[in-house]
Amino acid sequence: MSVISERAQQLLAARTPFVRATVVRAQPPASAYPGDEAILLADGTIEGFVGGQCAQNSVRKAALGALQTNESVLLRVLPDGDVHFPEAPGACVVVNPCLSGGSLEIFLTPQLPPPMIRIYGATPIADALTQICGVLGYEVSRDADMADTTAFPTAIVIASHGGPEAEIIRTALDNGVGYIGLVASKIRGAAILNEIELSDAERARIHTPVGLNIGAKTPAEIAVSIAAELVAGVRGGLGRAVVPERGPLEAIDPVCGMTVPIGPAAEHLRRAGTDYWFCGPGCRTAFAGKAGA
């Protein structure tokens, strides 16, 4: 297994979102070769090699965009325009004025951890929901005794029919859980929520009675209705909670005019109380020389 593959497995195990970048075509004098790989993290850090400093900025920006959309993209980085490779769904072209020549085609694959669903309760509904979430590819944890309130997931479903339900809901709200489902009738659900001081935004995160209204009666049918509501939440953005909702901050390189993402890996210079960001060390050096002249 390659170093990049090993690192990818580590990140997946840690539920850390990243993008895997693979060079699929390189035209000389590009410094990368087909098969070169790198991992790009949400803070813009690049581990591996898919091109020199000038190309890295374009790859970094495209990778951060892929993390936001959770969609793979074929990126072509060119020193100048090329009408033979128009943009299309799943493919984009970036003209990088810093490149000295050559071109790169890099396939970017975002790797976001599957939604983590915590299910409380030792009931037939909880058992059925666990099975269905497994089929959906979600990561499921069970807490029959409802004692563990660490490692907060994407969503929780309380199917215990009793116990410290209000306390679990309050703890989940305070720790940013985006979806909270409570298996209860309208009357019992309202009574439980009345025990908690809720803002309008917090109330919107609590689903009770939980599940889509499909006329479900049996535990398995109720579990299907809950899973359907979870899918709607995940597809609506709940599953992207592992990635910052806002896109990366950007700046304009004062030398070449490129838009560059601001982050710990970006070239940076502070002059007279003003921060400047650059696509690579070449532009930074040129600006520093000009500013110091």
Foldseek 3Di string as FASTA:
>chain_A
DDPQVVVVVVCLVVQFKKKKKFWCDKFPPWPAHGGWIWIAHLQLDIGTDDGDLQVSQVVSQVRLVCLLVQAKAWEKEFCDDDPVDDDDVRYDYDHGVPDPGMMIIMIMHIDGHAFEEEEEADDLLSVLLVVVCVVVVHHYDYDDPPPDLPDQTLEYEYPHVDDPPLVNLVSNVVVPRQAYEYCDAPVVVVVSCVVDDDDPNSVVRYDPVAFDPPVDDDSNSRSVRNVVVVVVCVVVPSSSPSHDNDGFDWDALPQPRDIGGDGPVWDWDDDPNDIHTHSGPVSVVVVVVVVVD
